[in-house]
């Protein structure tokens, strides 16, 4: 597990370097005075290439996760870890290259698929750190043969929470399309979504702990 995780993390960190390098070039072209909102219009061809680049990035992370995991559950966890590490180090490399963002509350254009995602840098970092921590915990349990049981209600609650997080990023996408200043970030939607996912993880951890205590007492 450690060897596979090491290669997975190395890939995600270096992939983040490439992604941030591309953004450095784009900002030098379209934002010579520094990146800021409202956004600057890009030619349609360049925008199509950017959307394709983002799709390619997701496919590369997915392919790497498929190689790192031995079954569907491990591949799912590996993708979450790779995505989280890639996202965190994307901003680490931007700080190294450009000393950007100046603050974790600085706004960024986060993603373009299926519509532009907008929000302060802190928000995706919270999601990424949570993905990494939770997935590492679940993978470690899986390696020990302690598969955590998630009921249909667990999955429904987690998916609903994820939907609220996605909504908080995409709800004001039209401002990016119209090249306007975005509305204040919907921290209420974001916080509710993160809280719902957190509840699922806490309940799963409590059930796992209770099961382990029961097995210890039985033994």
N, C-alpha and C. Protein backbone atom coordinates (compact mmCIF):
# COMPACT_ATOMS: atom_id res chain seq x y z
N UNK A 1 0.82 -1.20 0.00
CA UNK A 1 0.00 0.00 0.00
C UNK A 1 0.87 1.26 0.00
N UNK A 2 1.91 1.27 0.85
CA UNK A 2 2.76 2.45 0.95
C UNK A 2 3.46 2.74 -0.37
N UNK A 3 3.93 1.69 -1.05
CA UNK A 3 4.62 1.90 -2.32
C UNK A 3 3.67 2.46 -3.37
N UNK A 4 2.47 1.89 -3.44
CA UNK A 4 1.51 2.37 -4.43
C UNK A 4 1.08 3.81 -4.13
N UNK A 5 0.88 4.11 -2.85
CA UNK A 5 0.51 5.46 -2.47
C UNK A 5 1.63 6.46 -2.77
N UNK A 6 2.86 6.02 -2.56
CA UNK A 6 4.00 6.91 -2.83
C UNK A 6 4.05 7.31 -4.30
N UNK A 7 3.88 6.33 -5.19
CA UNK A 7 3.88 6.63 -6.62
C UNK A 7 2.67 7.48 -7.01
N UNK A 8 1.53 7.19 -6.39
CA UNK A 8 0.31 7.95 -6.68
C UNK A 8 0.49 9.42 -6.29
N UNK A 9 1.02 9.65 -5.11
CA UNK A 9 1.23 11.02 -4.63
C UNK A 9 2.27 11.73 -5.48
N UNK A 10 3.35 11.02 -5.83
CA UNK A 10 4.38 11.63 -6.68
C UNK A 10 3.79 12.06 -8.01
N UNK A 11 2.96 11.22 -8.59
CA UNK A 11 2.32 11.57 -9.86
C UNK A 11 1.46 12.82 -9.69
N UNK A 12 0.65 12.86 -8.63
CA UNK A 12 -0.26 13.98 -8.43
C UNK A 12 0.50 15.28 -8.21
N UNK A 13 1.58 15.22 -7.47
CA UNK A 13 2.38 16.43 -7.21
C UNK A 13 3.02 16.94 -8.50
N UNK A 14 3.58 16.05 -9.29
CA UNK A 14 4.23 16.48 -10.54
C UNK A 14 3.19 16.91 -11.57
N UNK A 15 2.03 16.26 -11.57
CA UNK A 15 0.96 16.68 -12.47
C UNK A 15 0.49 18.09 -12.10
N UNK A 16 0.44 18.38 -10.82
CA UNK A 16 0.07 19.72 -10.37
C UNK A 16 1.08 20.76 -10.85
N UNK A 17 2.36 20.37 -10.88
CA UNK A 17 3.39 21.27 -11.40
C UNK A 17 3.08 21.64 -12.85
N UNK A 18 2.77 20.64 -13.68
CA UNK A 18 2.47 20.90 -15.08
C UNK A 18 1.24 21.79 -15.23
N UNK A 19 0.20 21.51 -14.44
CA UNK A 19 -1.03 22.30 -14.52
C UNK A 19 -0.75 23.76 -14.15
N UNK A 20 -0.04 23.96 -13.05
CA UNK A 20 0.23 25.33 -12.62
C UNK A 20 1.15 26.05 -13.61
N UNK A 21 2.08 25.32 -14.23
CA UNK A 21 2.95 25.94 -15.23
C UNK A 21 2.13 26.47 -16.41
N UNK A 22 1.15 25.69 -16.86
CA UNK A 22 0.28 26.13 -17.95
C UNK A 22 -0.47 27.40 -17.54
N UNK A 23 -0.96 27.43 -16.31
CA UNK A 23 -1.69 28.60 -15.83
C UNK A 23 -0.78 29.82 -15.75
N UNK A 24 0.49 29.62 -15.39
CA UNK A 24 1.45 30.73 -15.39
C UNK A 24 1.55 31.33 -16.78
N UNK A 25 1.64 30.48 -17.80
CA UNK A 25 1.73 30.98 -19.18
C UNK A 25 0.45 31.72 -19.58
N UNK A 26 -0.70 31.15 -19.23
CA UNK A 26 -1.97 31.78 -19.59
C UNK A 26 -2.12 33.14 -18.92
N UNK A 27 -1.72 33.22 -17.67
CA UNK A 27 -1.86 34.50 -16.98
C UNK A 27 -0.89 35.53 -17.54
N UNK A 28 0.28 35.09 -17.98
CA UNK A 28 1.22 36.03 -18.59
C UNK A 28 0.64 36.62 -19.87
N UNK A 29 -0.18 35.82 -20.58
CA UNK A 29 -0.78 36.27 -21.84
C UNK A 29 -2.02 37.13 -21.59
N UNK A 30 -2.93 36.63 -20.76
CA UNK A 30 -4.24 37.28 -20.60
C UNK A 30 -4.34 38.20 -19.38
N UNK A 31 -3.45 38.03 -18.41
CA UNK A 31 -3.49 38.86 -17.21
C UNK A 31 -2.08 39.36 -16.89
N UNK A 32 -1.50 40.16 -17.76
CA UNK A 32 -0.10 40.60 -17.54
C UNK A 32 0.06 41.44 -16.28
N UNK A 33 -1.01 42.04 -15.80
CA UNK A 33 -0.94 42.85 -14.58
C UNK A 33 -1.39 42.08 -13.34
N UNK A 34 -1.58 40.77 -13.51
CA UNK A 34 -2.01 39.96 -12.37
C UNK A 34 -3.44 39.49 -12.53
N UNK A 35 -3.70 38.25 -12.12
CA UNK A 35 -5.04 37.67 -12.26
C UNK A 35 -6.01 38.35 -11.31
N UNK A 36 -7.18 38.70 -11.82
CA UNK A 36 -8.22 39.33 -11.01
C UNK A 36 -9.55 39.23 -11.73
N UNK A 37 -10.63 39.35 -10.96
CA UNK A 37 -11.97 39.43 -11.54
C UNK A 37 -12.30 40.89 -11.78
N UNK A 38 -13.16 41.18 -12.78
CA UNK A 38 -13.83 40.25 -13.71
C UNK A 38 -12.84 39.61 -14.67
N UNK A 39 -13.24 38.45 -15.18
CA UNK A 39 -12.37 37.68 -16.07
C UNK A 39 -12.21 38.39 -17.42
N UNK A 40 -11.13 38.03 -18.08
CA UNK A 40 -10.85 38.56 -19.42
C UNK A 40 -11.35 37.54 -20.45
N UNK A 41 -11.94 38.02 -21.53
CA UNK A 41 -12.45 37.12 -22.57
C UNK A 41 -11.30 36.39 -23.26
N UNK A 42 -11.51 35.10 -23.48
CA UNK A 42 -10.55 34.29 -24.23
C UNK A 42 -11.17 33.89 -25.55
N UNK A 43 -10.38 33.77 -26.62
CA UNK A 43 -10.92 33.30 -27.90
C UNK A 43 -11.58 31.94 -27.73
N UNK A 44 -12.62 31.69 -28.50
CA UNK A 44 -13.37 30.44 -28.38
C UNK A 44 -12.48 29.22 -28.56
N UNK A 45 -11.53 29.30 -29.48
CA UNK A 45 -10.64 28.17 -29.72
C UNK A 45 -9.78 27.87 -28.49
N UNK A 46 -9.26 28.93 -27.86
CA UNK A 46 -8.45 28.75 -26.66
C UNK A 46 -9.29 28.19 -25.51
N UNK A 47 -10.52 28.65 -25.42
CA UNK A 47 -11.39 28.15 -24.37
C UNK A 47 -11.69 26.67 -24.56
N UNK A 48 -11.91 26.28 -25.81
CA UNK A 48 -12.16 24.86 -26.11
C UNK A 48 -10.94 24.01 -25.75
N UNK A 49 -9.75 24.53 -26.02
CA UNK A 49 -8.52 23.81 -25.68
C UNK A 49 -8.39 23.68 -24.17
N UNK A 50 -8.74 24.73 -23.44
CA UNK A 50 -8.67 24.70 -21.98
C UNK A 50 -9.63 23.67 -21.39
N UNK A 51 -10.84 23.63 -21.93
CA UNK A 51 -11.82 22.64 -21.46
C UNK A 51 -11.30 21.23 -21.74
N UNK A 52 -10.70 21.05 -22.92
CA UNK A 52 -10.12 19.75 -23.25
C UNK A 52 -8.97 19.39 -22.33
N UNK A 53 -8.18 20.38 -21.96
CA UNK A 53 -7.05 20.13 -21.04
C UNK A 53 -7.57 19.67 -19.68
N UNK A 54 -8.62 20.30 -19.21
CA UNK A 54 -9.17 19.90 -17.91
C UNK A 54 -9.75 18.49 -17.97
N UNK A 55 -10.43 18.18 -19.07
CA UNK A 55 -10.97 16.82 -19.23
C UNK A 55 -9.84 15.80 -19.27
N UNK A 56 -8.74 16.15 -19.97
CA UNK A 56 -7.59 15.25 -20.06
C UNK A 56 -6.96 15.05 -18.68
N UNK A 57 -6.92 16.09 -17.89
CA UNK A 57 -6.37 15.97 -16.53
C UNK A 57 -7.17 14.98 -15.70
N UNK A 58 -8.49 15.08 -15.77
CA UNK A 58 -9.33 14.14 -15.02
C UNK A 58 -9.12 12.71 -15.49
N UNK A 59 -9.00 12.52 -16.80
CA UNK A 59 -8.79 11.18 -17.33
C UNK A 59 -7.43 10.63 -16.91
N UNK A 60 -6.42 11.49 -16.85
CA UNK A 60 -5.10 11.05 -16.41
C UNK A 60 -5.11 10.64 -14.94
N UNK A 61 -5.81 11.41 -14.11
CA UNK A 61 -5.93 11.04 -12.70
C UNK A 61 -6.71 9.74 -12.55
N UNK A 62 -7.75 9.59 -13.36
CA UNK A 62 -8.56 8.37 -13.31
C UNK A 62 -7.74 7.16 -13.73
N UNK A 63 -6.95 7.30 -14.80
CA UNK A 63 -6.14 6.19 -15.28
C UNK A 63 -5.08 5.79 -14.26
N UNK A 64 -4.47 6.78 -13.63
CA UNK A 64 -3.47 6.50 -12.61
C UNK A 64 -4.09 5.79 -11.41
N UNK A 65 -5.27 6.24 -11.01
CA UNK A 65 -5.97 5.60 -9.89
C UNK A 65 -6.33 4.16 -10.23
N UNK A 66 -6.71 3.91 -11.48
CA UNK A 66 -7.05 2.55 -11.90
C UNK A 66 -5.84 1.63 -11.79
N UNK A 67 -4.65 2.16 -12.04
CA UNK A 67 -3.44 1.36 -11.93
C UNK A 67 -3.02 1.17 -10.47
N UNK A 68 -3.32 2.15 -9.64
CA UNK A 68 -2.89 2.10 -8.24
C UNK A 68 -3.75 1.18 -7.38
N UNK A 69 -5.05 1.03 -7.75
CA UNK A 69 -5.95 0.22 -6.94
C UNK A 69 -6.07 -1.20 -7.44
N UNK A 70 -6.29 -2.13 -6.51
CA UNK A 70 -6.41 -3.53 -6.88
C UNK A 70 -7.85 -3.95 -7.10
N UNK A 71 -8.80 -3.14 -6.64
CA UNK A 71 -10.22 -3.42 -6.86
C UNK A 71 -10.95 -2.09 -7.01
N UNK A 72 -12.25 -2.14 -7.24
CA UNK A 72 -13.00 -0.92 -7.51
C UNK A 72 -12.96 0.05 -6.33
N UNK A 73 -13.03 -0.49 -5.11
CA UNK A 73 -13.01 0.37 -3.93
C UNK A 73 -11.68 1.09 -3.80
N UNK A 74 -10.57 0.37 -3.98
CA UNK A 74 -9.26 1.01 -3.90
C UNK A 74 -9.07 2.03 -5.02
N UNK A 75 -9.58 1.71 -6.21
CA UNK A 75 -9.45 2.67 -7.32
C UNK A 75 -10.22 3.95 -7.03
N UNK A 76 -11.39 3.81 -6.43
CA UNK A 76 -12.18 4.98 -6.05
C UNK A 76 -11.43 5.83 -5.02
N UNK A 77 -10.86 5.18 -4.01
CA UNK A 77 -10.11 5.90 -2.99
C UNK A 77 -8.84 6.51 -3.57
N UNK A 78 -8.18 5.77 -4.47
CA UNK A 78 -6.96 6.29 -5.09
C UNK A 78 -7.25 7.54 -5.91
N UNK A 79 -8.38 7.55 -6.61
CA UNK A 79 -8.74 8.74 -7.39
C UNK A 79 -8.96 9.93 -6.46
N UNK A 80 -9.65 9.72 -5.35
CA UNK A 80 -9.89 10.81 -4.40
C UNK A 80 -8.59 11.37 -3.87
N UNK A 81 -7.65 10.47 -3.53
CA UNK A 81 -6.36 10.92 -3.01
C UNK A 81 -5.58 11.69 -4.07
N UNK A 82 -5.52 11.13 -5.28
CA UNK A 82 -4.78 11.78 -6.36
C UNK A 82 -5.38 13.14 -6.68
N UNK A 83 -6.71 13.21 -6.74
CA UNK A 83 -7.37 14.48 -7.03
C UNK A 83 -7.07 15.50 -5.94
N UNK A 84 -7.18 15.08 -4.68
CA UNK A 84 -6.93 16.00 -3.58
C UNK A 84 -5.51 16.51 -3.55
N UNK A 85 -4.53 15.61 -3.72
CA UNK A 85 -3.12 16.02 -3.71
C UNK A 85 -2.84 16.94 -4.89
N UNK A 86 -3.36 16.59 -6.06
CA UNK A 86 -3.17 17.44 -7.24
C UNK A 86 -3.71 18.84 -7.00
N UNK A 87 -4.90 18.95 -6.42
CA UNK A 87 -5.52 20.26 -6.20
C UNK A 87 -4.73 21.08 -5.20
N UNK A 88 -4.32 20.47 -4.10
CA UNK A 88 -3.55 21.19 -3.08
C UNK A 88 -2.22 21.68 -3.66
N UNK A 89 -1.51 20.80 -4.36
CA UNK A 89 -0.19 21.19 -4.87
C UNK A 89 -0.28 22.10 -6.09
N UNK A 90 -1.42 22.13 -6.75
CA UNK A 90 -1.61 23.12 -7.81
C UNK A 90 -1.44 24.52 -7.23
N UNK A 91 -2.05 24.76 -6.07
CA UNK A 91 -1.92 26.08 -5.44
C UNK A 91 -0.55 26.26 -4.79
N UNK A 92 0.04 25.18 -4.30
CA UNK A 92 1.40 25.27 -3.77
C UNK A 92 2.36 25.74 -4.86
N UNK A 93 2.26 25.13 -6.04
CA UNK A 93 3.16 25.52 -7.14
C UNK A 93 2.87 26.93 -7.63
N UNK A 94 1.59 27.33 -7.67
CA UNK A 94 1.28 28.71 -8.06
C UNK A 94 1.91 29.70 -7.08
N UNK A 95 1.92 29.33 -5.80
CA UNK A 95 2.55 30.21 -4.81
C UNK A 95 4.06 30.27 -5.06
N UNK A 96 4.65 29.14 -5.38
CA UNK A 96 6.09 29.11 -5.65
C UNK A 96 6.42 29.96 -6.88
N UNK A 97 5.61 29.85 -7.93
CA UNK A 97 5.90 30.54 -9.19
C UNK A 97 5.53 32.03 -9.16
N UNK A 98 4.35 32.32 -8.59
CA UNK A 98 3.79 33.67 -8.71
C UNK A 98 3.52 34.36 -7.38
N UNK A 99 3.77 33.66 -6.28
CA UNK A 99 3.34 34.16 -4.96
C UNK A 99 1.83 34.47 -4.98
N UNK A 100 1.10 33.56 -5.61
CA UNK A 100 -0.35 33.68 -5.70
C UNK A 100 -0.95 32.37 -5.23
N UNK A 101 -2.04 32.39 -4.46
CA UNK A 101 -2.86 33.54 -4.09
C UNK A 101 -2.30 34.30 -2.89
N UNK A 102 -2.56 35.60 -2.82
CA UNK A 102 -2.09 36.37 -1.67
C UNK A 102 -2.80 36.00 -0.38
N UNK A 103 -3.99 35.41 -0.51
CA UNK A 103 -4.78 35.00 0.66
C UNK A 103 -5.59 33.77 0.28
N UNK A 104 -5.91 32.95 1.28
CA UNK A 104 -6.75 31.78 1.02
C UNK A 104 -8.18 32.18 0.67
N UNK A 105 -8.54 33.42 0.91
CA UNK A 105 -9.87 33.91 0.55
C UNK A 105 -9.88 34.58 -0.82
N UNK A 106 -8.75 34.55 -1.52
CA UNK A 106 -8.69 35.09 -2.88
C UNK A 106 -9.53 34.25 -3.82
N UNK A 107 -10.29 34.90 -4.69
CA UNK A 107 -11.16 34.18 -5.61
C UNK A 107 -10.36 33.62 -6.79
N UNK A 108 -10.87 32.50 -7.30
CA UNK A 108 -10.22 31.86 -8.45
C UNK A 108 -11.27 31.25 -9.36
N UNK A 109 -10.91 31.10 -10.61
CA UNK A 109 -11.70 30.32 -11.55
C UNK A 109 -11.26 28.87 -11.37
N UNK A 110 -12.09 28.06 -10.72
CA UNK A 110 -11.68 26.75 -10.25
C UNK A 110 -11.70 25.68 -11.33
N UNK A 111 -12.72 25.73 -12.18
CA UNK A 111 -12.90 24.65 -13.16
C UNK A 111 -13.83 25.16 -14.25
N UNK A 112 -13.88 24.44 -15.37
CA UNK A 112 -14.70 24.89 -16.50
C UNK A 112 -15.75 23.87 -16.93
N UNK A 113 -15.75 22.67 -16.34
CA UNK A 113 -16.64 21.59 -16.77
C UNK A 113 -17.68 21.30 -15.70
N UNK A 114 -18.98 21.29 -15.99
CA UNK A 114 -19.60 21.60 -17.28
C UNK A 114 -19.82 23.09 -17.50
N UNK A 115 -19.71 23.86 -16.41
CA UNK A 115 -19.80 25.32 -16.47
C UNK A 115 -18.67 25.86 -15.59
N UNK A 116 -18.36 27.15 -15.69
CA UNK A 116 -17.30 27.69 -14.84
C UNK A 116 -17.63 27.55 -13.35
N UNK A 117 -16.62 27.14 -12.59
CA UNK A 117 -16.72 27.06 -11.13
C UNK A 117 -15.98 28.26 -10.54
N UNK A 118 -16.59 28.94 -9.59
CA UNK A 118 -15.97 30.11 -8.98
C UNK A 118 -15.99 29.98 -7.46
N UNK A 119 -14.97 30.54 -6.82
CA UNK A 119 -14.97 30.52 -5.37
C UNK A 119 -13.62 30.90 -4.81
N UNK A 120 -13.56 31.16 -3.51
CA UNK A 120 -12.28 31.45 -2.87
C UNK A 120 -11.43 30.19 -2.79
N UNK A 121 -10.13 30.36 -2.84
CA UNK A 121 -9.20 29.23 -2.86
C UNK A 121 -9.41 28.31 -1.66
N UNK A 122 -9.77 28.87 -0.53
CA UNK A 122 -9.95 28.07 0.69
C UNK A 122 -10.96 26.95 0.51
N UNK A 123 -12.03 27.21 -0.24
CA UNK A 123 -13.11 26.23 -0.36
C UNK A 123 -12.64 24.92 -1.02
N UNK A 124 -12.04 24.95 -2.21
CA UNK A 124 -11.58 23.68 -2.78
C UNK A 124 -10.48 23.02 -1.97
N UNK A 125 -9.67 23.81 -1.25
CA UNK A 125 -8.64 23.21 -0.42
C UNK A 125 -9.25 22.43 0.74
N UNK A 126 -10.32 22.94 1.31
CA UNK A 126 -11.02 22.21 2.37
C UNK A 126 -11.52 20.87 1.85
N UNK A 127 -12.12 20.90 0.66
CA UNK A 127 -12.63 19.66 0.06
C UNK A 127 -11.50 18.69 -0.20
N UNK A 128 -10.40 19.18 -0.75
CA UNK A 128 -9.28 18.31 -1.11
C UNK A 128 -8.64 17.67 0.11
N UNK A 129 -8.42 18.46 1.16
CA UNK A 129 -7.83 17.91 2.39
C UNK A 129 -8.75 16.86 3.00
N UNK A 130 -10.06 17.12 2.98
CA UNK A 130 -11.02 16.15 3.50
C UNK A 130 -11.01 14.86 2.68
N UNK A 131 -10.92 14.99 1.35
CA UNK A 131 -10.85 13.82 0.49
C UNK A 131 -9.61 12.98 0.79
N UNK A 132 -8.48 13.64 0.94
CA UNK A 132 -7.23 12.93 1.20
C UNK A 132 -7.30 12.19 2.53
N UNK A 133 -7.70 12.91 3.58
CA UNK A 133 -7.71 12.31 4.92
C UNK A 133 -8.68 11.14 5.01
N UNK A 134 -9.90 11.33 4.50
CA UNK A 134 -10.91 10.29 4.58
C UNK A 134 -10.52 9.08 3.75
N UNK A 135 -10.01 9.31 2.55
CA UNK A 135 -9.66 8.20 1.66
C UNK A 135 -8.46 7.42 2.18
N UNK A 136 -7.49 8.10 2.79
CA UNK A 136 -6.36 7.40 3.38
C UNK A 136 -6.82 6.50 4.53
N UNK A 137 -7.73 7.01 5.35
CA UNK A 137 -8.27 6.22 6.46
C UNK A 137 -9.00 4.99 5.95
N UNK A 138 -9.87 5.18 4.95
CA UNK A 138 -10.64 4.06 4.41
C UNK A 138 -9.73 3.04 3.71
N UNK A 139 -8.71 3.51 3.03
CA UNK A 139 -7.79 2.59 2.34
C UNK A 139 -7.00 1.77 3.35
N UNK A 140 -6.59 2.41 4.45
CA UNK A 140 -5.85 1.68 5.47
C UNK A 140 -6.73 0.59 6.09
N UNK A 141 -7.99 0.90 6.36
CA UNK A 141 -8.91 -0.11 6.88
C UNK A 141 -9.09 -1.24 5.88
N UNK A 142 -9.20 -0.88 4.62
CA UNK A 142 -9.39 -1.88 3.57
C UNK A 142 -8.18 -2.81 3.49
N UNK A 143 -7.00 -2.26 3.66
CA UNK A 143 -5.79 -3.09 3.64
C UNK A 143 -5.77 -4.08 4.80
N UNK A 144 -6.40 -3.69 5.92
CA UNK A 144 -6.44 -4.58 7.08
C UNK A 144 -7.64 -5.52 7.03
N UNK A 145 -8.40 -5.45 5.94
CA UNK A 145 -9.57 -6.30 5.81
C UNK A 145 -10.77 -5.80 6.57
N UNK A 146 -10.78 -4.53 6.95
CA UNK A 146 -11.89 -3.95 7.72
C UNK A 146 -12.70 -3.01 6.83
N UNK A 147 -13.39 -3.56 5.90
CA UNK A 147 -14.19 -2.76 4.97
C UNK A 147 -15.32 -2.05 5.73
N UNK A 148 -15.37 -0.74 5.62
CA UNK A 148 -16.42 0.04 6.27
C UNK A 148 -17.70 -0.08 5.47
N UNK A 149 -18.79 -0.35 6.17
CA UNK A 149 -20.07 -0.51 5.47
C UNK A 149 -20.78 0.83 5.38
N UNK A 150 -21.06 1.25 4.16
CA UNK A 150 -21.86 2.45 3.92
C UNK A 150 -23.22 2.01 3.39
N UNK A 151 -24.26 2.34 4.12
CA UNK A 151 -25.60 1.98 3.70
C UNK A 151 -26.06 2.89 2.57
N UNK A 152 -27.21 2.56 2.00
CA UNK A 152 -27.77 3.40 0.94
C UNK A 152 -28.03 4.81 1.44
N UNK A 153 -28.45 4.91 2.71
CA UNK A 153 -28.69 6.24 3.28
C UNK A 153 -27.39 7.01 3.44
N UNK A 154 -26.33 6.32 3.81
CA UNK A 154 -25.02 6.97 3.90
C UNK A 154 -24.63 7.57 2.54
N UNK A 155 -24.73 6.75 1.51
CA UNK A 155 -24.35 7.22 0.18
C UNK A 155 -25.25 8.36 -0.29
N UNK A 156 -26.55 8.25 -0.03
CA UNK A 156 -27.48 9.30 -0.44
C UNK A 156 -27.15 10.62 0.27
N UNK A 157 -26.85 10.53 1.56
CA UNK A 157 -26.53 11.73 2.33
C UNK A 157 -25.22 12.35 1.85
N UNK A 158 -24.22 11.50 1.58
CA UNK A 158 -22.92 12.00 1.11
C UNK A 158 -23.05 12.63 -0.28
N UNK A 159 -23.81 11.99 -1.16
CA UNK A 159 -23.99 12.53 -2.51
C UNK A 159 -24.74 13.85 -2.47
N UNK A 160 -25.75 13.94 -1.59
CA UNK A 160 -26.48 15.20 -1.45
C UNK A 160 -25.56 16.30 -0.93
N UNK A 161 -24.69 15.96 0.02
CA UNK A 161 -23.73 16.94 0.51
C UNK A 161 -22.77 17.39 -0.57
N UNK A 162 -22.29 16.43 -1.36
CA UNK A 162 -21.43 16.78 -2.47
C UNK A 162 -22.13 17.67 -3.48
N UNK A 163 -23.41 17.40 -3.69
CA UNK A 163 -24.18 18.23 -4.61
C UNK A 163 -24.27 19.68 -4.15
N UNK A 164 -24.43 19.88 -2.84
CA UNK A 164 -24.47 21.24 -2.31
C UNK A 164 -23.13 21.94 -2.49
N UNK A 165 -22.05 21.20 -2.29
CA UNK A 165 -20.72 21.78 -2.49
C UNK A 165 -20.54 22.19 -3.95
N UNK A 166 -20.89 21.29 -4.87
CA UNK A 166 -20.79 21.62 -6.29
C UNK A 166 -21.65 22.84 -6.63
N UNK A 167 -22.86 22.88 -6.06
CA UNK A 167 -23.77 24.00 -6.33
C UNK A 167 -23.16 25.31 -5.86
N UNK A 168 -22.50 25.30 -4.71
CA UNK A 168 -21.91 26.54 -4.20
C UNK A 168 -20.85 27.08 -5.15
N UNK A 169 -20.16 26.19 -5.88
CA UNK A 169 -19.14 26.62 -6.83
C UNK A 169 -19.75 27.08 -8.15
N UNK A 170 -20.86 26.47 -8.56
CA UNK A 170 -21.39 26.71 -9.91
C UNK A 170 -22.60 27.61 -9.97
N UNK A 171 -23.16 27.98 -8.81
CA UNK A 171 -24.43 28.70 -8.80
C UNK A 171 -24.32 30.06 -9.50
N UNK A 172 -23.14 30.66 -9.48
CA UNK A 172 -22.98 31.99 -10.08
C UNK A 172 -22.11 31.92 -11.33
N UNK A 173 -22.18 30.81 -12.08
CA UNK A 173 -21.32 30.64 -13.25
C UNK A 173 -21.57 31.70 -14.32
N UNK A 174 -22.80 32.23 -14.37
CA UNK A 174 -23.14 33.19 -15.42
C UNK A 174 -22.29 34.46 -15.33
N UNK A 175 -21.85 34.80 -14.11
CA UNK A 175 -21.01 36.00 -13.98
C UNK A 175 -19.68 35.82 -14.70
N UNK A 176 -19.17 34.57 -14.73
CA UNK A 176 -17.93 34.31 -15.47
C UNK A 176 -18.18 34.39 -16.97
N UNK A 177 -19.31 33.86 -17.40
CA UNK A 177 -19.66 33.89 -18.82
C UNK A 177 -19.83 35.33 -19.30
N UNK A 178 -20.48 36.15 -18.45
CA UNK A 178 -20.75 37.55 -18.81
C UNK A 178 -19.60 38.49 -18.47
N UNK A 179 -18.51 37.93 -17.93
CA UNK A 179 -17.34 38.73 -17.55
C UNK A 179 -17.69 39.80 -16.54
N UNK A 180 -18.50 39.39 -15.52
CA UNK A 180 -18.89 40.29 -14.43
C UNK A 180 -18.21 39.87 -13.14
N UNK A 181 -18.24 40.75 -12.15
CA UNK A 181 -17.77 40.39 -10.82
C UNK A 181 -18.75 39.37 -10.23
N UNK A 182 -18.24 38.30 -9.62
CA UNK A 182 -19.14 37.30 -9.05
C UNK A 182 -19.82 37.79 -7.79
N UNK A 183 -20.96 37.18 -7.48
CA UNK A 183 -21.66 37.47 -6.23
C UNK A 183 -20.86 36.86 -5.07
N UNK A 184 -21.14 37.28 -3.84
CA UNK A 184 -20.45 36.68 -2.69
C UNK A 184 -20.60 35.16 -2.69
N UNK A 185 -19.56 34.49 -2.28
CA UNK A 185 -19.57 33.03 -2.27
C UNK A 185 -20.63 32.51 -1.30
N UNK A 186 -21.30 31.44 -1.71
CA UNK A 186 -22.37 30.86 -0.90
C UNK A 186 -21.78 29.90 0.13
N UNK A 187 -21.20 30.48 1.17
CA UNK A 187 -20.62 29.66 2.23
C UNK A 187 -21.68 28.82 2.94
N UNK A 188 -22.94 29.28 2.91
CA UNK A 188 -23.99 28.51 3.56
C UNK A 188 -24.20 27.16 2.87
N UNK A 189 -24.28 27.19 1.54
CA UNK A 189 -24.42 25.94 0.79
C UNK A 189 -23.18 25.06 0.96
N UNK A 190 -22.02 25.69 0.85
CA UNK A 190 -20.77 24.94 0.97
C UNK A 190 -20.65 24.28 2.34
N UNK A 191 -20.89 25.04 3.39
CA UNK A 191 -20.76 24.51 4.75
C UNK A 191 -21.76 23.40 5.02
N UNK A 192 -22.99 23.57 4.52
CA UNK A 192 -23.99 22.52 4.70
C UNK A 192 -23.58 21.23 4.01
N UNK A 193 -23.03 21.36 2.79
CA UNK A 193 -22.58 20.17 2.06
C UNK A 193 -21.43 19.47 2.75
N UNK A 194 -20.45 20.23 3.21
CA UNK A 194 -19.31 19.64 3.92
C UNK A 194 -19.76 18.99 5.21
N UNK A 195 -20.69 19.64 5.93
CA UNK A 195 -21.19 19.08 7.18
C UNK A 195 -21.90 17.75 6.95
N UNK A 196 -22.68 17.66 5.88
CA UNK A 196 -23.38 16.40 5.59
C UNK A 196 -22.40 15.27 5.33
N UNK A 197 -21.36 15.56 4.55
CA UNK A 197 -20.35 14.54 4.28
C UNK A 197 -19.60 14.17 5.56
N UNK A 198 -19.35 15.15 6.40
CA UNK A 198 -18.64 14.90 7.66
C UNK A 198 -19.47 13.99 8.57
N UNK A 199 -20.77 14.21 8.61
CA UNK A 199 -21.65 13.37 9.43
C UNK A 199 -21.57 11.91 8.98
N UNK A 200 -21.54 11.70 7.67
CA UNK A 200 -21.46 10.33 7.14
C UNK A 200 -20.16 9.67 7.60
N UNK A 201 -19.06 10.40 7.50
CA UNK A 201 -17.76 9.83 7.89
C UNK A 201 -17.74 9.54 9.39
N UNK A 202 -18.27 10.45 10.19
CA UNK A 202 -18.28 10.24 11.65
C UNK A 202 -19.14 9.04 12.01
N UNK A 203 -20.31 8.91 11.39
CA UNK A 203 -21.16 7.76 11.67
C UNK A 203 -20.49 6.46 11.26
N UNK A 204 -19.83 6.47 10.10
CA UNK A 204 -19.13 5.27 9.64
C UNK A 204 -18.00 4.91 10.59
N UNK A 205 -17.26 5.93 11.06
CA UNK A 205 -16.17 5.68 12.00
C UNK A 205 -16.70 5.13 13.32
N UNK A 206 -17.84 5.67 13.79
CA UNK A 206 -18.43 5.18 15.04
C UNK A 206 -18.88 3.73 14.90
N UNK A 207 -19.48 3.39 13.78
CA UNK A 207 -19.91 2.02 13.55
C UNK A 207 -18.72 1.08 13.48
N UNK A 208 -17.66 1.54 12.82
CA UNK A 208 -16.46 0.71 12.71
C UNK A 208 -15.83 0.48 14.08
N UNK A 209 -15.81 1.53 14.91
CA UNK A 209 -15.25 1.41 16.24
C UNK A 209 -16.07 0.46 17.10
N UNK A 210 -17.40 0.57 16.98
CA UNK A 210 -18.28 -0.32 17.74
C UNK A 210 -18.10 -1.77 17.31
N UNK A 211 -17.96 -1.98 16.00
CA UNK A 211 -17.75 -3.34 15.49
C UNK A 211 -16.43 -3.91 15.99
N UNK A 212 -15.40 -3.08 16.01
CA UNK A 212 -14.09 -3.56 16.46
C UNK A 212 -14.12 -3.91 17.94
N UNK A 213 -14.82 -3.08 18.75
CA UNK A 213 -14.94 -3.38 20.18
C UNK A 213 -15.70 -4.68 20.40
N UNK A 214 -16.74 -4.89 19.57
CA UNK A 214 -17.53 -6.11 19.70
C UNK A 214 -16.69 -7.34 19.37
N UNK A 215 -15.87 -7.22 18.33
CA UNK A 215 -15.02 -8.35 17.97
C UNK A 215 -13.97 -8.62 19.04
N UNK A 216 -13.44 -7.55 19.65
CA UNK A 216 -12.46 -7.73 20.70
C UNK A 216 -13.08 -8.42 21.92
N UNK A 217 -14.31 -7.99 22.26
CA UNK A 217 -14.97 -8.62 23.40
C UNK A 217 -15.31 -10.07 23.11
N UNK A 218 -15.73 -10.35 21.86
CA UNK A 218 -16.05 -11.73 21.49
C UNK A 218 -14.79 -12.60 21.52
N UNK A 219 -13.68 -11.99 21.07
CA UNK A 219 -12.44 -12.75 21.08
C UNK A 219 -11.91 -13.00 22.48
